[in-house]
Amino acid sequence: MVVGPELLRQTTEKVKLIQKMMKASQSRHKSYADQSRRHLEFVVGDHVFLRITPTTGVGRAIRSRKLSPKFLGPYQILRKIRPVAYEIALPPQLSYLHSVFHVS
């Protein structure tokens, strides 16, 4: 049975090995995720479409029919709030929706 400083040394080595393996795994996972990721950026004045689905609040608020469109628009971008958040100009019939949307 190992006791004292030897046990502490072995435990420290195992922890460092586990940390190294986790870092390699996270790096591998990030590289796979980055392959399918696109960075989209728009400028003020561009026109974009809103994607709606029946399960989101936007889709339920618009229509609940089976053959409803998947996209609405185009709507003009009024301002860029963050790299992935934009404010768009919505028509009066969609005035109850929040005008800031996340780009994905």
Protein backbone atom coordinates (compact mmCIF):
# COMPACT_ATOMS: atom_id res chain seq x y z
CA MET A 1 0.00 0.00 0.00
CA VAL A 2 1.28 3.43 -1.02
CA VAL A 3 1.08 6.24 1.54
CA GLY A 4 2.33 9.75 2.06
CA PRO A 5 4.24 11.71 -0.60
CA GLU A 6 4.24 8.81 -3.08
CA LEU A 7 0.42 8.72 -3.10
CA LEU A 8 0.32 12.48 -3.63
CA ARG A 9 2.78 12.25 -6.55
CA GLN A 10 0.82 9.43 -8.25
CA THR A 11 -2.45 11.32 -7.82
CA THR A 12 -0.94 14.49 -9.27
CA GLU A 13 0.39 12.57 -12.28
CA LYS A 14 -3.00 10.96 -12.91
CA VAL A 15 -4.77 14.32 -12.68
CA LYS A 16 -2.32 15.85 -15.19
CA LEU A 17 -2.84 12.89 -17.55
CA ILE A 18 -6.62 13.26 -17.33
CA GLN A 19 -6.38 17.02 -17.97
CA LYS A 20 -4.18 16.41 -21.02
CA MET A 21 -6.63 13.84 -22.42
CA MET A 22 -9.60 16.15 -21.82
CA LYS A 23 -7.85 19.04 -23.57
CA ALA A 24 -7.12 16.82 -26.59
CA SER A 25 -10.75 15.66 -26.68
CA GLN A 26 -12.09 19.23 -26.45
CA SER A 27 -9.74 20.37 -29.21
CA ARG A 28 -10.86 17.52 -31.47
CA HIS A 29 -14.51 18.27 -30.79
CA LYS A 30 -13.99 21.98 -31.53
CA SER A 31 -12.31 21.24 -34.86
CA TYR A 32 -15.24 19.03 -35.92
CA ALA A 33 -17.78 21.68 -34.86
CA ASP A 34 -15.91 24.48 -36.64
CA GLN A 35 -16.06 22.62 -39.98
CA SER A 36 -19.84 23.06 -40.20
CA ARG A 37 -19.96 26.57 -38.73
CA ARG A 38 -20.27 29.63 -40.97
CA HIS A 39 -19.72 33.16 -39.82
CA LEU A 40 -22.46 35.37 -41.22
CA GLU A 41 -22.22 39.12 -41.05
CA PHE A 42 -24.61 41.65 -42.50
CA VAL A 43 -24.46 45.40 -42.93
CA VAL A 44 -27.18 47.96 -42.30
CA GLY A 45 -29.48 48.07 -45.31
CA ASP A 46 -29.18 44.39 -46.24
CA HIS A 47 -32.37 42.39 -46.56
CA VAL A 48 -32.85 39.11 -44.70
CA PHE A 49 -35.50 36.44 -44.36
CA LEU A 50 -36.95 35.26 -41.05
CA ARG A 51 -37.10 31.51 -40.60
CA ILE A 52 -40.25 30.39 -38.84
CA THR A 53 -41.31 27.00 -37.52
CA PRO A 54 -44.57 25.88 -35.91
CA THR A 55 -42.77 25.17 -32.63
CA THR A 56 -41.30 28.64 -32.20
CA GLY A 57 -43.27 31.61 -30.98
CA VAL A 58 -42.90 33.34 -34.34
CA GLY A 59 -44.40 30.41 -36.25
CA ARG A 60 -47.33 30.01 -33.87
CA ALA A 61 -48.01 33.72 -33.93
CA ILE A 62 -48.10 33.89 -37.74
CA ARG A 63 -50.00 30.79 -38.88
CA SER A 64 -50.70 27.34 -37.63
CA ARG A 65 -51.58 25.82 -41.01
CA LYS A 66 -49.79 22.80 -42.34
CA LEU A 67 -48.61 24.45 -45.56
CA SER A 68 -47.43 27.72 -44.11
CA PRO A 69 -44.17 29.18 -45.47
CA LYS A 70 -40.85 28.43 -43.77
CA PHE A 71 -39.45 31.91 -44.35
CA LEU A 72 -40.90 35.41 -44.13
CA GLY A 73 -39.47 38.47 -45.68
CA PRO A 74 -37.28 40.00 -46.94
CA TYR A 75 -36.92 42.55 -44.14
CA GLN A 76 -34.36 45.33 -44.00
CA ILE A 77 -31.70 45.43 -41.29
CA LEU A 78 -31.94 48.68 -39.32
CA ARG A 79 -28.90 48.32 -37.06
CA LYS A 80 -26.31 45.85 -35.88
CA ILE A 81 -26.45 45.33 -32.12
CA ARG A 82 -23.79 42.62 -31.75
CA PRO A 83 -21.96 40.41 -34.25
CA VAL A 84 -24.87 37.93 -34.17
CA ALA A 85 -27.81 40.21 -33.21
CA TYR A 86 -29.56 42.54 -35.60
CA GLU A 87 -32.60 44.78 -35.44
CA ILE A 88 -34.85 44.49 -38.47
CA ALA A 89 -37.76 46.54 -39.78
CA LEU A 90 -40.93 44.52 -39.25
CA PRO A 91 -44.24 45.28 -40.98
CA PRO A 92 -47.20 46.50 -38.88
CA GLN A 93 -48.86 43.05 -38.80
CA LEU A 94 -45.75 41.71 -36.96
CA SER A 95 -45.46 44.64 -34.57
CA TYR A 96 -46.08 42.36 -31.57
CA LEU A 97 -42.77 40.56 -32.23
CA HIS A 98 -39.48 41.75 -30.79
CA SER A 99 -37.51 43.38 -33.62
CA VAL A 100 -34.07 42.08 -32.55
CA PHE A 101 -33.11 38.67 -33.91
CA HIS A 102 -30.18 36.31 -33.51
CA VAL A 103 -28.41 35.20 -36.68
CA SER A 104 -27.63 31.51 -37.01
